[in-house]
Amino acid sequence: MRDRVVTFFREIYGEFRRVSWPSRLEVIGLTTLVIIIIVLLSIYVGIWDWIFRNFVEFLLQRR
């Protein structure tokens, strides 16, 4: 059992060595892109929420 566990972790280590990790600049750029997309989508959803909320309030006031 111990040999299987040791072999497992050696294989994990070998796989990590083969991974092509992104550079610091790539990580910063992609993180910035994700944050910008989240902000833009939040604004978009917020605008639609505001429109529908006002529409529903308008419909409820007409009664």
C-alpha atoms as a PDB file:
ATOM      1  CA  MET A   1       0.000   0.000   0.000  1.00  0.00           C
ATOM      2  CA  ARG A   2       2.808   2.404   0.906  1.00  0.00           C
ATOM      3  CA  ASP A   3       4.522   1.830  -2.441  1.00  0.00           C
ATOM      4  CA  ARG A   4       1.319   2.683  -4.299  1.00  0.00           C
ATOM      5  CA  VAL A   5       0.967   5.965  -2.398  1.00  0.00           C
ATOM      6  CA  VAL A   6       4.617   6.890  -3.038  1.00  0.00           C
ATOM      7  CA  THR A   7       4.236   6.028  -6.726  1.00  0.00           C
ATOM      8  CA  PHE A   8       1.079   8.105  -6.917  1.00  0.00           C
ATOM      9  CA  PHE A   9       2.809  11.208  -5.531  1.00  0.00           C
ATOM     10  CA  ARG A  10       5.827  10.698  -7.780  1.00  0.00           C
ATOM     11  CA  GLU A  11       3.514  10.636 -10.788  1.00  0.00           C
ATOM     12  CA  ILE A  12       1.797  13.802  -9.592  1.00  0.00           C
ATOM     13  CA  TYR A  13       5.184  15.508  -9.262  1.00  0.00           C
ATOM     14  CA  GLY A  14       6.118  14.371 -12.772  1.00  0.00           C
ATOM     15  CA  GLU A  15       2.890  15.767 -14.190  1.00  0.00           C
ATOM     16  CA  PHE A  16       3.420  19.127 -12.488  1.00  0.00           C
ATOM     17  CA  ARG A  17       6.860  19.369 -14.041  1.00  0.00           C
ATOM     18  CA  ARG A  18       5.337  18.938 -17.533  1.00  0.00           C
ATOM     19  CA  VAL A  19       2.713  21.654 -17.072  1.00  0.00           C
ATOM     20  CA  SER A  20       3.435  24.877 -18.928  1.00  0.00           C
ATOM     21  CA  TRP A  21       2.671  27.449 -16.270  1.00  0.00           C
ATOM     22  CA  PRO A  22       1.639  30.959 -17.377  1.00  0.00           C
ATOM     23  CA  SER A  23       4.004  33.830 -16.783  1.00  0.00           C
ATOM     24  CA  ARG A  24       3.286  36.470 -14.159  1.00  0.00           C
ATOM     25  CA  LEU A  25       2.381  38.947 -16.914  1.00  0.00           C
ATOM     26  CA  GLU A  26      -0.117  36.495 -18.449  1.00  0.00           C
ATOM     27  CA  VAL A  27      -1.753  35.879 -15.062  1.00  0.00           C
ATOM     28  CA  ILE A  28      -2.068  39.612 -14.394  1.00  0.00           C
ATOM     29  CA  GLY A  29      -3.483  40.244 -17.873  1.00  0.00           C
ATOM     30  CA  LEU A  30      -6.045  37.442 -17.714  1.00  0.00           C
ATOM     31  CA  THR A  31      -7.073  38.359 -14.169  1.00  0.00           C
ATOM     32  CA  THR A  32      -7.606  41.958 -15.271  1.00  0.00           C
ATOM     33  CA  LEU A  33      -9.676  40.755 -18.215  1.00  0.00           C
ATOM     34  CA  VAL A  34     -11.877  38.621 -15.954  1.00  0.00           C
ATOM     35  CA  ILE A  35     -12.442  41.528 -13.549  1.00  0.00           C
ATOM     36  CA  ILE A  36     -13.374  43.863 -16.429  1.00  0.00           C
ATOM     37  CA  ILE A  37     -15.835  41.313 -17.846  1.00  0.00           C
ATOM     38  CA  ILE A  38     -17.415  40.825 -14.409  1.00  0.00           C
ATOM     39  CA  VAL A  39     -17.836  44.590 -13.953  1.00  0.00           C
ATOM     40  CA  LEU A  40     -19.356  45.015 -17.424  1.00  0.00           C
ATOM     41  CA  LEU A  41     -21.763  42.101 -16.961  1.00  0.00           C
ATOM     42  CA  SER A  42     -22.755  43.441 -13.536  1.00  0.00           C
ATOM     43  CA  ILE A  43     -23.556  46.816 -15.062  1.00  0.00           C
ATOM     44  CA  TYR A  44     -25.530  45.133 -17.864  1.00  0.00           C
ATOM     45  CA  VAL A  45     -27.570  43.012 -15.451  1.00  0.00           C
ATOM     46  CA  GLY A  46     -28.044  46.022 -13.148  1.00  0.00           C
ATOM     47  CA  ILE A  47     -29.466  48.101 -15.994  1.00  0.00           C
ATOM     48  CA  TRP A  48     -31.942  45.363 -16.951  1.00  0.00           C
ATOM     49  CA  ASP A  49     -32.891  44.935 -13.293  1.00  0.00           C
ATOM     50  CA  TRP A  50     -33.546  48.667 -13.011  1.00  0.00           C
ATOM     51  CA  ILE A  51     -35.667  48.643 -16.207  1.00  0.00           C
ATOM     52  CA  PHE A  52     -37.790  45.672 -15.108  1.00  0.00           C
ATOM     53  CA  ARG A  53     -38.186  47.012 -11.571  1.00  0.00           C
ATOM     54  CA  ASN A  54     -39.469  50.343 -12.887  1.00  0.00           C
ATOM     55  CA  PHE A  55     -41.753  48.558 -15.348  1.00  0.00           C
ATOM     56  CA  VAL A  56     -43.264  46.377 -12.612  1.00  0.00           C
ATOM     57  CA  GLU A  57     -43.698  49.402 -10.326  1.00  0.00           C
ATOM     58  CA  PHE A  58     -45.422  51.237 -13.185  1.00  0.00           C
ATOM     59  CA  LEU A  59     -47.792  48.302 -13.757  1.00  0.00           C
ATOM     60  CA  LEU A  60     -48.594  47.987 -10.050  1.00  0.00           C
ATOM     61  CA  GLN A  61     -49.328  51.725  -9.685  1.00  0.00           C
ATOM     62  CA  ARG A  62     -51.886  51.640 -12.505  1.00  0.00           C
ATOM     63  CA  ARG A  63     -54.219  49.422 -10.470  1.00  0.00           C
END
